Amino acid sequence: MSVRRLILLRHGQTGHNLAGRMQGHLDSQLTDEGRAQAVRAAPVLAKFQPVRLISSDLSRAVDTAREIAAATGLPINLDNRLRETHLGEWQGRSVEEIEDDWPGAIATWRSDPNWVPPGGESRVQVVARSLPVVRELDAEFAVPGCGDEPTVLLVAHGGLIAGLVSGLLELPEAVWPSIGGIGNARWAVLARRSDHPRWRLSGYNVGVAG
């Protein structure tokens, strides 16, 4: 049996989120509210009974994952393939600052998943590096005795989650920009039936009020 349900959780609020600055691979930290968001989400996510908890190795994701680990009793496995899109020279800058130095580039980046920020990577490249994480899990859980309906929870980042959802749903690249952003400490849920290997989106930008 392969993975039957996949939960993709975005990290809690960071100082960069609060200031409206791009993070990418910068190792920004959770705010107090970001930690509180993770605490509120943890018992809800624990009800899915995940059997594996995997996180991006960036601190904002790891610290979010720690709250999930406390609620589920699962160890955290780190995987740098779940990092956010590398934004190159844009990292640490606001959208306004980027627009001043690269007029029109933000709009191009948001509309074209193949477009690469200066010194960074495209969304297509992000999906290419993150899809194998799920494929490897499928291969692992295909071994007899790994459970009937395993649920896996990945803690990652907004851009990566939007891209990975697009890739798992096998959407044409032209429609990837239609998969919108996801809020801090909110999540997407993908599932599939035992008799059909295709992923279906059963929830997106789901979260806890607070």
N, C-alpha and C. Protein backbone atom coordinates (compact mmCIF):
# COMPACT_ATOMS: atom_id res chain seq x y z
N MET A 1 0.84 -1.19 0.00
CA MET A 1 0.00 0.00 0.00
C MET A 1 0.88 1.25 0.00
N SER A 2 0.64 2.16 -0.91
CA SER A 2 1.38 3.42 -0.94
C SER A 2 0.73 4.41 0.03
N VAL A 3 1.30 5.60 0.13
CA VAL A 3 0.73 6.63 0.99
C VAL A 3 -0.69 6.94 0.53
N ARG A 4 -1.63 6.93 1.47
CA ARG A 4 -3.03 7.18 1.10
C ARG A 4 -3.46 8.63 1.33
N ARG A 5 -2.80 9.29 2.29
CA ARG A 5 -3.16 10.69 2.56
C ARG A 5 -1.88 11.47 2.87
N LEU A 6 -1.82 12.68 2.33
CA LEU A 6 -0.65 13.53 2.49
C LEU A 6 -1.13 14.90 2.98
N ILE A 7 -0.56 15.32 4.10
CA ILE A 7 -0.89 16.64 4.66
C ILE A 7 0.34 17.52 4.51
N LEU A 8 0.16 18.68 3.90
CA LEU A 8 1.25 19.63 3.67
C LEU A 8 0.99 20.87 4.51
N LEU A 9 1.75 21.04 5.57
CA LEU A 9 1.55 22.12 6.53
C LEU A 9 2.59 23.21 6.32
N ARG A 10 2.11 24.45 6.22
CA ARG A 10 3.04 25.58 6.16
C ARG A 10 3.43 25.98 7.59
N HIS A 11 4.66 26.42 7.73
CA HIS A 11 5.16 26.88 9.03
C HIS A 11 4.35 28.06 9.57
N GLY A 12 4.50 28.32 10.86
CA GLY A 12 3.85 29.46 11.48
C GLY A 12 4.48 30.79 11.06
N GLN A 13 3.85 31.84 11.51
CA GLN A 13 4.29 33.21 11.16
C GLN A 13 5.74 33.46 11.60
N THR A 14 6.47 34.17 10.75
CA THR A 14 7.85 34.58 11.07
C THR A 14 7.93 36.10 11.08
N GLY A 15 9.06 36.59 11.56
CA GLY A 15 9.29 38.03 11.52
C GLY A 15 9.29 38.57 10.11
N HIS A 16 9.83 37.79 9.16
CA HIS A 16 9.83 38.22 7.76
C HIS A 16 8.41 38.27 7.21
N ASN A 17 7.57 37.29 7.57
CA ASN A 17 6.17 37.34 7.15
C ASN A 17 5.52 38.62 7.65
N LEU A 18 5.77 38.93 8.89
CA LEU A 18 5.16 40.10 9.53
C LEU A 18 5.62 41.39 8.86
N ALA A 19 6.88 41.41 8.44
CA ALA A 19 7.44 42.60 7.81
C ALA A 19 7.21 42.64 6.31
N GLY A 20 6.62 41.57 5.74
CA GLY A 20 6.37 41.54 4.31
C GLY A 20 7.63 41.37 3.48
N ARG A 21 8.58 40.57 4.00
CA ARG A 21 9.84 40.36 3.28
C ARG A 21 9.97 38.91 2.82
N MET A 22 10.56 38.75 1.64
CA MET A 22 10.76 37.43 1.06
C MET A 22 11.77 36.64 1.90
N GLN A 23 11.53 35.35 2.07
CA GLN A 23 12.41 34.53 2.89
C GLN A 23 13.24 33.56 2.07
N GLY A 24 12.60 32.77 1.23
CA GLY A 24 13.35 31.78 0.47
C GLY A 24 14.13 30.86 1.39
N HIS A 25 15.44 30.77 1.19
CA HIS A 25 16.28 29.91 2.00
C HIS A 25 16.83 30.61 3.25
N LEU A 26 16.48 31.88 3.47
CA LEU A 26 16.91 32.53 4.71
C LEU A 26 16.32 31.78 5.90
N ASP A 27 17.10 31.64 6.95
CA ASP A 27 16.65 30.85 8.10
C ASP A 27 15.97 31.75 9.13
N SER A 28 14.82 32.26 8.77
CA SER A 28 14.07 33.16 9.64
C SER A 28 13.40 32.38 10.77
N GLN A 29 13.02 33.11 11.82
CA GLN A 29 12.50 32.49 13.04
C GLN A 29 11.01 32.76 13.21
N LEU A 30 10.34 31.86 13.91
CA LEU A 30 8.94 32.08 14.24
C LEU A 30 8.78 33.24 15.22
N THR A 31 7.69 33.98 15.06
CA THR A 31 7.29 34.95 16.07
C THR A 31 6.56 34.21 17.19
N ASP A 32 6.24 34.93 18.26
CA ASP A 32 5.43 34.32 19.32
C ASP A 32 4.08 33.86 18.76
N GLU A 33 3.51 34.67 17.86
CA GLU A 33 2.24 34.28 17.25
C GLU A 33 2.42 33.05 16.37
N GLY A 34 3.56 32.96 15.68
CA GLY A 34 3.83 31.79 14.84
C GLY A 34 3.88 30.51 15.66
N ARG A 35 4.48 30.59 16.84
CA ARG A 35 4.51 29.42 17.72
C ARG A 35 3.12 29.09 18.22
N ALA A 36 2.36 30.13 18.56
CA ALA A 36 0.99 29.90 19.03
C ALA A 36 0.13 29.27 17.92
N GLN A 37 0.35 29.69 16.68
CA GLN A 37 -0.38 29.10 15.55
C GLN A 37 -0.08 27.60 15.46
N ALA A 38 1.18 27.24 15.61
CA ALA A 38 1.57 25.83 15.53
C ALA A 38 0.95 25.04 16.67
N VAL A 39 0.93 25.63 17.85
CA VAL A 39 0.32 24.96 19.01
C VAL A 39 -1.17 24.71 18.77
N ARG A 40 -1.86 25.69 18.19
CA ARG A 40 -3.30 25.52 17.93
C ARG A 40 -3.56 24.47 16.86
N ALA A 41 -2.68 24.41 15.87
CA ALA A 41 -2.88 23.46 14.76
C ALA A 41 -2.57 22.02 15.18
N ALA A 42 -1.63 21.84 16.09
CA ALA A 42 -1.11 20.51 16.40
C ALA A 42 -2.18 19.49 16.79
N PRO A 43 -3.09 19.78 17.73
CA PRO A 43 -4.06 18.74 18.11
C PRO A 43 -5.03 18.40 17.00
N VAL A 44 -5.31 19.36 16.12
CA VAL A 44 -6.20 19.09 14.99
C VAL A 44 -5.51 18.15 14.01
N LEU A 45 -4.25 18.42 13.72
CA LEU A 45 -3.50 17.58 12.79
C LEU A 45 -3.24 16.20 13.37
N ALA A 46 -3.11 16.11 14.69
CA ALA A 46 -2.88 14.81 15.32
C ALA A 46 -4.06 13.87 15.09
N LYS A 47 -5.24 14.42 14.89
CA LYS A 47 -6.42 13.59 14.66
C LYS A 47 -6.36 12.82 13.34
N PHE A 48 -5.50 13.28 12.42
CA PHE A 48 -5.30 12.54 11.17
C PHE A 48 -4.47 11.28 11.39
N GLN A 49 -3.87 11.16 12.56
CA GLN A 49 -3.05 10.00 12.92
C GLN A 49 -1.92 9.72 11.91
N PRO A 50 -1.10 10.73 11.66
CA PRO A 50 0.02 10.49 10.73
C PRO A 50 0.99 9.47 11.29
N VAL A 51 1.62 8.73 10.40
CA VAL A 51 2.62 7.75 10.81
C VAL A 51 4.04 8.24 10.55
N ARG A 52 4.17 9.36 9.87
CA ARG A 52 5.48 9.91 9.59
C ARG A 52 5.37 11.44 9.58
N LEU A 53 6.38 12.10 10.15
CA LEU A 53 6.45 13.56 10.20
C LEU A 53 7.78 13.98 9.62
N ILE A 54 7.73 14.69 8.50
CA ILE A 54 8.94 15.12 7.79
C ILE A 54 8.89 16.63 7.64
N SER A 55 10.01 17.29 7.90
CA SER A 55 10.05 18.74 7.86
C SER A 55 11.20 19.23 7.00
N SER A 56 10.99 20.37 6.38
CA SER A 56 12.10 21.17 5.85
C SER A 56 13.09 21.40 6.97
N ASP A 57 14.36 21.56 6.62
CA ASP A 57 15.37 21.76 7.65
C ASP A 57 15.53 23.21 8.08
N LEU A 58 14.75 24.13 7.50
CA LEU A 58 14.82 25.52 7.93
C LEU A 58 14.11 25.70 9.26
N SER A 59 14.64 26.56 10.11
CA SER A 59 14.19 26.66 11.50
C SER A 59 12.70 26.91 11.64
N ARG A 60 12.13 27.75 10.79
CA ARG A 60 10.70 28.07 10.93
C ARG A 60 9.83 26.84 10.73
N ALA A 61 10.27 25.93 9.87
CA ALA A 61 9.52 24.68 9.66
C ALA A 61 9.80 23.70 10.80
N VAL A 62 11.06 23.59 11.20
CA VAL A 62 11.42 22.65 12.27
C VAL A 62 10.71 23.01 13.57
N ASP A 63 10.69 24.30 13.90
CA ASP A 63 10.04 24.71 15.14
C ASP A 63 8.53 24.49 15.09
N THR A 64 7.95 24.63 13.93
CA THR A 64 6.53 24.30 13.75
C THR A 64 6.32 22.80 13.92
N ALA A 65 7.20 22.02 13.30
CA ALA A 65 7.10 20.56 13.37
C ALA A 65 7.25 20.05 14.81
N ARG A 66 8.00 20.76 15.62
CA ARG A 66 8.16 20.32 17.02
C ARG A 66 6.82 20.28 17.75
N GLU A 67 5.95 21.23 17.45
CA GLU A 67 4.64 21.23 18.09
C GLU A 67 3.79 20.06 17.61
N ILE A 68 3.94 19.70 16.34
CA ILE A 68 3.21 18.55 15.80
C ILE A 68 3.76 17.27 16.42
N ALA A 69 5.07 17.22 16.58
CA ALA A 69 5.70 16.05 17.19
C ALA A 69 5.23 15.86 18.62
N ALA A 70 5.09 16.97 19.36
CA ALA A 70 4.64 16.88 20.74
C ALA A 70 3.22 16.33 20.82
N ALA A 71 2.38 16.66 19.83
CA ALA A 71 0.98 16.22 19.84
C ALA A 71 0.80 14.80 19.32
N THR A 72 1.73 14.35 18.48
CA THR A 72 1.58 13.03 17.84
C THR A 72 2.51 11.97 18.42
N GLY A 73 3.57 12.41 19.09
CA GLY A 73 4.56 11.45 19.56
C GLY A 73 5.51 10.97 18.49
N LEU A 74 5.47 11.59 17.31
CA LEU A 74 6.33 11.17 16.20
C LEU A 74 7.67 11.89 16.24
N PRO A 75 8.73 11.22 15.83
CA PRO A 75 10.00 11.92 15.64
C PRO A 75 9.94 12.77 14.38
N ILE A 76 10.79 13.78 14.32
CA ILE A 76 10.85 14.65 13.14
C ILE A 76 11.99 14.20 12.25
N ASN A 77 11.68 13.93 11.00
CA ASN A 77 12.70 13.63 10.00
C ASN A 77 12.90 14.89 9.15
N LEU A 78 14.15 15.32 9.00
CA LEU A 78 14.45 16.53 8.23
C LEU A 78 14.82 16.19 6.80
N ASP A 79 14.37 17.02 5.87
CA ASP A 79 14.69 16.81 4.46
C ASP A 79 14.82 18.18 3.79
N ASN A 80 16.02 18.51 3.34
CA ASN A 80 16.23 19.84 2.76
C ASN A 80 15.56 20.01 1.39
N ARG A 81 15.04 18.93 0.83
CA ARG A 81 14.31 19.05 -0.43
C ARG A 81 12.95 19.72 -0.23
N LEU A 82 12.54 19.88 1.03
CA LEU A 82 11.28 20.54 1.34
C LEU A 82 11.47 22.03 1.63
N ARG A 83 12.66 22.55 1.40
CA ARG A 83 12.89 23.98 1.60
C ARG A 83 12.04 24.82 0.65
N GLU A 84 11.85 26.07 1.05
CA GLU A 84 11.14 27.03 0.20
C GLU A 84 11.93 27.28 -1.08
N THR A 85 11.28 27.85 -2.06
CA THR A 85 11.94 28.29 -3.30
C THR A 85 13.13 29.18 -2.96
N HIS A 86 14.28 28.90 -3.56
CA HIS A 86 15.42 29.80 -3.40
C HIS A 86 15.15 31.04 -4.24
N LEU A 87 15.13 32.19 -3.60
CA LEU A 87 14.78 33.43 -4.29
C LEU A 87 15.97 34.30 -4.64
N GLY A 88 17.18 33.76 -4.48
CA GLY A 88 18.38 34.46 -4.93
C GLY A 88 18.49 35.87 -4.36
N GLU A 89 18.64 36.84 -5.24
CA GLU A 89 18.86 38.22 -4.84
C GLU A 89 17.61 38.87 -4.24
N TRP A 90 16.49 38.19 -4.33
CA TRP A 90 15.26 38.75 -3.74
C TRP A 90 15.12 38.45 -2.25
N GLN A 91 15.88 37.53 -1.74
CA GLN A 91 15.71 37.12 -0.35
C GLN A 91 16.00 38.27 0.60
N GLY A 92 15.10 38.48 1.54
CA GLY A 92 15.23 39.57 2.50
C GLY A 92 14.64 40.87 2.04
N ARG A 93 14.16 40.94 0.81
CA ARG A 93 13.60 42.18 0.26
C ARG A 93 12.08 42.14 0.28
N SER A 94 11.49 43.32 0.31
CA SER A 94 10.04 43.43 0.19
C SER A 94 9.65 43.42 -1.28
N VAL A 95 8.37 43.18 -1.54
CA VAL A 95 7.88 43.21 -2.92
C VAL A 95 8.13 44.59 -3.53
N GLU A 96 7.93 45.63 -2.76
CA GLU A 96 8.14 47.00 -3.26
C GLU A 96 9.59 47.22 -3.66
N GLU A 97 10.52 46.74 -2.85
CA GLU A 97 11.93 46.88 -3.17
C GLU A 97 12.29 46.10 -4.43
N ILE A 98 11.74 44.93 -4.55
CA ILE A 98 12.00 44.12 -5.76
C ILE A 98 11.45 44.81 -6.98
N GLU A 99 10.25 45.35 -6.86
CA GLU A 99 9.63 46.05 -8.00
C GLU A 99 10.46 47.26 -8.42
N ASP A 100 11.08 47.93 -7.45
CA ASP A 100 11.92 49.09 -7.78
C ASP A 100 13.14 48.67 -8.60
N ASP A 101 13.75 47.55 -8.23
CA ASP A 101 14.99 47.13 -8.89
C ASP A 101 14.76 46.23 -10.11
N TRP A 102 13.64 45.51 -10.12
CA TRP A 102 13.30 44.62 -11.25
C TRP A 102 11.85 44.89 -11.66
N PRO A 103 11.58 46.00 -12.31
CA PRO A 103 10.19 46.36 -12.64
C PRO A 103 9.48 45.25 -13.44
N GLY A 104 8.32 44.85 -12.96
CA GLY A 104 7.52 43.85 -13.65
C GLY A 104 7.91 42.41 -13.36
N ALA A 105 9.03 42.20 -12.66
CA ALA A 105 9.52 40.83 -12.48
C ALA A 105 8.64 40.02 -11.53
N ILE A 106 8.09 40.66 -10.51
CA ILE A 106 7.23 39.94 -9.56
C ILE A 106 6.02 39.37 -10.29
N ALA A 107 5.40 40.17 -11.15
CA ALA A 107 4.23 39.70 -11.90
C ALA A 107 4.61 38.54 -12.82
N THR A 108 5.78 38.62 -13.45
CA THR A 108 6.23 37.54 -14.32
C THR A 108 6.47 36.27 -13.51
N TRP A 109 7.12 36.40 -12.39
CA TRP A 109 7.41 35.26 -11.52
C TRP A 109 6.13 34.58 -11.05
N ARG A 110 5.13 35.38 -10.69
CA ARG A 110 3.87 34.80 -10.20
C ARG A 110 3.07 34.11 -11.29
N SER A 111 3.29 34.50 -12.53
CA SER A 111 2.47 33.96 -13.63
C SER A 111 3.16 32.87 -14.44
N ASP A 112 4.48 32.72 -14.27
CA ASP A 112 5.23 31.76 -15.09
C ASP A 112 6.06 30.86 -14.17
N PRO A 113 5.65 29.60 -13.97
CA PRO A 113 6.39 28.71 -13.05
C PRO A 113 7.78 28.34 -13.53
N ASN A 114 8.11 28.65 -14.78
CA ASN A 114 9.46 28.38 -15.28
C ASN A 114 10.41 29.56 -15.11
N TRP A 115 9.88 30.70 -14.69
CA TRP A 115 10.71 31.90 -14.58
C TRP A 115 11.57 31.83 -13.32
N VAL A 116 12.83 32.22 -13.44
CA VAL A 116 13.78 32.09 -12.34
C VAL A 116 14.16 33.46 -11.80
N PRO A 117 13.94 33.74 -10.51
CA PRO A 117 14.43 34.99 -9.93
C PRO A 117 15.95 35.04 -10.02
N PRO A 118 16.54 36.21 -10.09
CA PRO A 118 18.00 36.30 -10.25
C PRO A 118 18.75 35.58 -9.14
N GLY A 119 19.50 34.56 -9.53
CA GLY A 119 20.27 33.79 -8.57
C GLY A 119 19.47 32.75 -7.82
N GLY A 120 18.22 32.53 -8.20
CA GLY A 120 17.35 31.61 -7.48
C GLY A 120 16.96 30.39 -8.29
N GLU A 121 15.74 29.90 -8.05
CA GLU A 121 15.23 28.74 -8.76
C GLU A 121 13.76 28.96 -9.11
N SER A 122 13.30 28.27 -10.14
CA SER A 122 11.91 28.39 -10.58
C SER A 122 11.02 27.45 -9.77
N ARG A 123 9.73 27.66 -9.87
CA ARG A 123 8.80 26.75 -9.20
C ARG A 123 8.88 25.35 -9.81
N VAL A 124 9.11 25.27 -11.10
CA VAL A 124 9.27 23.96 -11.74
C VAL A 124 10.45 23.21 -11.12
N GLN A 125 11.54 23.92 -10.85
CA GLN A 125 12.69 23.29 -10.23
C GLN A 125 12.39 22.86 -8.79
N VAL A 126 11.61 23.66 -8.09
CA VAL A 126 11.22 23.31 -6.72
C VAL A 126 10.41 22.02 -6.71
N VAL A 127 9.48 21.91 -7.64
CA VAL A 127 8.66 20.70 -7.72
C VAL A 127 9.52 19.49 -8.09
N ALA A 128 10.47 19.68 -8.99
CA ALA A 128 11.34 18.57 -9.41
C ALA A 128 12.16 18.04 -8.24
N ARG A 129 12.54 18.91 -7.29
CA ARG A 129 13.34 18.43 -6.16
C ARG A 129 12.49 17.87 -5.02
N SER A 130 11.22 18.28 -4.96
CA SER A 130 10.38 17.84 -3.84
C SER A 130 9.51 16.62 -4.17
N LEU A 131 9.14 16.42 -5.42
CA LEU A 131 8.34 15.25 -5.78
C LEU A 131 8.98 13.93 -5.37
N PRO A 132 10.31 13.78 -5.50
CA PRO A 132 10.90 12.51 -5.09
C PRO A 132 10.69 12.17 -3.61
N VAL A 133 10.47 13.18 -2.76
CA VAL A 133 10.19 12.90 -1.35
C VAL A 133 8.95 12.02 -1.24
N VAL A 134 7.91 12.37 -1.98
CA VAL A 134 6.67 11.61 -1.95
C VAL A 134 6.84 10.27 -2.65
N ARG A 135 7.54 10.25 -3.74
CA ARG A 135 7.74 8.98 -4.46
C ARG A 135 8.52 7.97 -3.61
N GLU A 136 9.50 8.47 -2.87
CA GLU A 136 10.26 7.57 -1.99
C GLU A 136 9.39 7.03 -0.86
N LEU A 137 8.50 7.86 -0.35
CA LEU A 137 7.57 7.40 0.68
C LEU A 137 6.64 6.34 0.12
N ASP A 138 6.16 6.55 -1.10
CA ASP A 138 5.31 5.55 -1.74
C ASP A 138 6.02 4.21 -1.84
N ALA A 139 7.27 4.26 -2.25
CA ALA A 139 8.04 3.02 -2.38
C ALA A 139 8.23 2.36 -1.02
N GLU A 140 8.48 3.16 0.00
CA GLU A 140 8.68 2.60 1.34
C GLU A 140 7.41 1.94 1.86
N PHE A 141 6.27 2.62 1.70
CA PHE A 141 5.02 2.11 2.24
C PHE A 141 4.38 1.03 1.36
N ALA A 142 4.97 0.79 0.21
CA ALA A 142 4.49 -0.32 -0.63
C ALA A 142 4.91 -1.67 -0.08
N VAL A 143 5.85 -1.66 0.87
CA VAL A 143 6.32 -2.90 1.48
C VAL A 143 5.24 -3.45 2.41
N PRO A 144 4.89 -4.73 2.33
CA PRO A 144 3.88 -5.31 3.21
C PRO A 144 4.20 -5.08 4.68
N GLY A 145 3.13 -4.81 5.46
CA GLY A 145 3.30 -4.61 6.89
C GLY A 145 3.47 -3.17 7.31
N CYS A 146 3.39 -2.22 6.34
CA CYS A 146 3.57 -0.80 6.67
C CYS A 146 2.26 -0.10 6.99
N GLY A 147 1.16 -0.82 7.10
CA GLY A 147 -0.11 -0.20 7.43
C GLY A 147 -1.03 -0.14 6.23
N ASP A 148 -2.33 -0.09 6.51
CA ASP A 148 -3.32 -0.12 5.44
C ASP A 148 -3.55 1.22 4.77
N GLU A 149 -3.59 2.30 5.56
CA GLU A 149 -3.91 3.61 5.01
C GLU A 149 -2.99 4.67 5.62
N PRO A 150 -1.70 4.61 5.33
CA PRO A 150 -0.77 5.53 5.98
C PRO A 150 -1.00 6.98 5.59
N THR A 151 -0.93 7.85 6.60
CA THR A 151 -0.98 9.29 6.41
C THR A 151 0.39 9.85 6.75
N VAL A 152 0.90 10.73 5.90
CA VAL A 152 2.20 11.35 6.11
C VAL A 152 1.99 12.86 6.19
N LEU A 153 2.69 13.50 7.13
CA LEU A 153 2.58 14.95 7.29
C LEU A 153 3.93 15.59 6.98
N LEU A 154 3.92 16.51 6.03
CA LEU A 154 5.12 17.25 5.65
C LEU A 154 4.96 18.70 6.12
N VAL A 155 5.99 19.22 6.77
CA VAL A 155 5.99 20.62 7.21
C VAL A 155 6.94 21.38 6.30
N ALA A 156 6.41 22.37 5.60
CA ALA A 156 7.21 23.04 4.58
C ALA A 156 6.84 24.52 4.49
N HIS A 157 6.75 25.02 3.27
CA HIS A 157 6.65 26.46 3.01
C HIS A 157 5.60 26.73 1.95
N GLY A 158 5.09 27.96 1.93
CA GLY A 158 3.97 28.28 1.06
C GLY A 158 4.21 28.04 -0.41
N GLY A 159 5.34 28.53 -0.93
CA GLY A 159 5.62 28.34 -2.34
C GLY A 159 5.83 26.89 -2.70
N LEU A 160 6.55 26.18 -1.86
CA LEU A 160 6.77 24.75 -2.11
C LEU A 160 5.46 23.98 -2.08
N ILE A 161 4.61 24.29 -1.12
CA ILE A 161 3.34 23.55 -1.01
C ILE A 161 2.48 23.78 -2.25
N ALA A 162 2.36 25.02 -2.69
CA ALA A 162 1.56 25.30 -3.89
C ALA A 162 2.12 24.55 -5.10
N GLY A 163 3.44 24.54 -5.23
CA GLY A 163 4.05 23.83 -6.34
C GLY A 163 3.90 22.34 -6.24
N LEU A 164 4.13 21.79 -5.05
CA LEU A 164 4.04 20.35 -4.88
C LEU A 164 2.61 19.85 -5.09
N VAL A 165 1.62 20.61 -4.63
CA VAL A 165 0.23 20.25 -4.91
C VAL A 165 -0.01 20.20 -6.41
N SER A 166 0.48 21.20 -7.12
CA SER A 166 0.32 21.23 -8.58
C SER A 166 0.98 20.02 -9.23
N GLY A 167 2.18 19.69 -8.76
CA GLY A 167 2.89 18.55 -9.33
C GLY A 167 2.22 17.22 -9.03
N LEU A 168 1.76 17.05 -7.80
CA LEU A 168 1.11 15.79 -7.43
C LEU A 168 -0.22 15.61 -8.15
N LEU A 169 -0.91 16.70 -8.41
CA LEU A 169 -2.18 16.62 -9.14
C LEU A 169 -1.97 16.51 -10.65
N GLU A 170 -0.71 16.59 -11.06
CA GLU A 170 -0.34 16.50 -12.48
C GLU A 170 -1.03 17.58 -13.30
N LEU A 171 -1.10 18.78 -12.75
CA LEU A 171 -1.70 19.90 -13.46
C LEU A 171 -0.74 20.41 -14.53
N PRO A 172 -1.26 20.87 -15.66
CA PRO A 172 -0.38 21.50 -16.65
C PRO A 172 0.30 22.73 -16.03
N GLU A 173 1.54 22.96 -16.39
CA GLU A 173 2.27 24.08 -15.80
C GLU A 173 1.56 25.41 -16.01
N ALA A 174 0.84 25.56 -17.10
CA ALA A 174 0.15 26.82 -17.38
C ALA A 174 -0.88 27.18 -16.33
N VAL A 175 -1.40 26.18 -15.60
CA VAL A 175 -2.43 26.48 -14.60
C VAL A 175 -1.88 26.46 -13.18
N TRP A 176 -0.59 26.21 -13.01
CA TRP A 176 -0.03 26.22 -11.66
C TRP A 176 -0.29 27.53 -10.91
N PRO A 177 -0.20 28.69 -11.58
CA PRO A 177 -0.45 29.93 -10.84
C PRO A 177 -1.87 30.04 -10.27
N SER A 178 -2.80 29.18 -10.71
CA SER A 178 -4.16 29.22 -10.17
C SER A 178 -4.25 28.58 -8.79
N ILE A 179 -3.21 27.85 -8.37
CA ILE A 179 -3.15 27.33 -7.01
C ILE A 179 -2.60 28.45 -6.13
N GLY A 180 -3.46 29.04 -5.33
CA GLY A 180 -3.10 30.24 -4.58
C GLY A 180 -2.22 29.97 -3.38
N GLY A 181 -1.94 31.04 -2.66
CA GLY A 181 -1.10 30.95 -1.48
C GLY A 181 -1.80 30.23 -0.33
N ILE A 182 -1.02 29.91 0.67
CA ILE A 182 -1.54 29.22 1.83
C ILE A 182 -1.06 29.97 3.07
N GLY A 183 -1.94 30.14 4.04
CA GLY A 183 -1.62 30.95 5.20
C GLY A 183 -0.67 30.25 6.17
N ASN A 184 -0.12 31.02 7.07
CA ASN A 184 0.76 30.46 8.10
C ASN A 184 0.04 29.44 8.95
N ALA A 185 0.69 28.30 9.19
CA ALA A 185 0.16 27.20 10.00
C ALA A 185 -1.18 26.69 9.46
N ARG A 186 -1.35 26.82 8.15
CA ARG A 186 -2.51 26.22 7.49
C ARG A 186 -1.99 25.10 6.58
N TRP A 187 -2.90 24.28 6.08
CA TRP A 187 -2.43 23.08 5.40
C TRP A 187 -3.31 22.70 4.21
N ALA A 188 -2.73 21.83 3.37
CA ALA A 188 -3.43 21.19 2.26
C ALA A 188 -3.50 19.70 2.55
N VAL A 189 -4.56 19.07 2.07
CA VAL A 189 -4.73 17.62 2.23
C VAL A 189 -4.96 17.00 0.86
N LEU A 190 -4.14 16.02 0.52
CA LEU A 190 -4.33 15.23 -0.69
C LEU A 190 -4.56 13.79 -0.29
N ALA A 191 -5.43 13.12 -1.03
CA ALA A 191 -5.75 11.72 -0.71
C ALA A 191 -5.97 10.95 -2.01
N ARG A 192 -5.91 9.63 -1.89
CA ARG A 192 -6.22 8.78 -3.05
C ARG A 192 -6.79 7.46 -2.56
N ARG A 193 -7.54 6.83 -3.43
CA ARG A 193 -8.18 5.56 -3.11
C ARG A 193 -7.22 4.41 -3.35
N SER A 194 -7.50 3.31 -2.69
CA SER A 194 -6.63 2.14 -2.83
C SER A 194 -6.66 1.57 -4.24
N ASP A 195 -7.77 1.81 -4.97
CA ASP A 195 -7.88 1.24 -6.32
C ASP A 195 -7.56 2.26 -7.41
N HIS A 196 -7.05 3.44 -7.01
CA HIS A 196 -6.72 4.46 -8.00
C HIS A 196 -5.54 5.27 -7.50
N PRO A 197 -4.43 5.27 -8.22
CA PRO A 197 -3.21 5.90 -7.71
C PRO A 197 -3.18 7.42 -7.80
N ARG A 198 -4.16 8.02 -8.46
CA ARG A 198 -4.10 9.46 -8.68
C ARG A 198 -4.48 10.23 -7.42
N TRP A 199 -3.70 11.29 -7.15
CA TRP A 199 -4.01 12.13 -6.00
C TRP A 199 -5.21 13.02 -6.28
N ARG A 200 -5.99 13.26 -5.25
CA ARG A 200 -7.11 14.21 -5.29
C ARG A 200 -6.93 15.23 -4.18
N LEU A 201 -7.27 16.47 -4.46
CA LEU A 201 -7.18 17.52 -3.46
C LEU A 201 -8.46 17.53 -2.64
N SER A 202 -8.35 17.24 -1.35
CA SER A 202 -9.54 17.21 -0.50
C SER A 202 -9.62 18.38 0.47
N GLY A 203 -8.58 19.20 0.52
CA GLY A 203 -8.61 20.39 1.36
C GLY A 203 -7.43 21.28 1.06
N TYR A 204 -7.65 22.60 1.07
CA TYR A 204 -6.56 23.53 0.77
C TYR A 204 -6.73 24.79 1.60
N ASN A 205 -5.62 25.24 2.18
CA ASN A 205 -5.63 26.42 3.06
C ASN A 205 -6.57 26.20 4.25
N VAL A 206 -6.54 24.98 4.77
CA VAL A 206 -7.34 24.61 5.93
C VAL A 206 -6.59 25.02 7.19
N GLY A 207 -7.30 25.50 8.19
CA GLY A 207 -6.62 25.91 9.40
C GLY A 207 -7.53 26.03 10.59
N VAL A 208 -6.94 26.53 11.67
CA VAL A 208 -7.65 26.68 12.94
C VAL A 208 -7.82 28.16 13.22
N ALA A 209 -9.03 28.57 13.57
CA ALA A 209 -9.27 29.97 13.91
C ALA A 209 -8.54 30.32 15.20
N GLY A 210 -8.11 31.56 15.28
CA GLY A 210 -7.43 31.96 16.50
C GLY A 210 -6.55 33.18 16.27
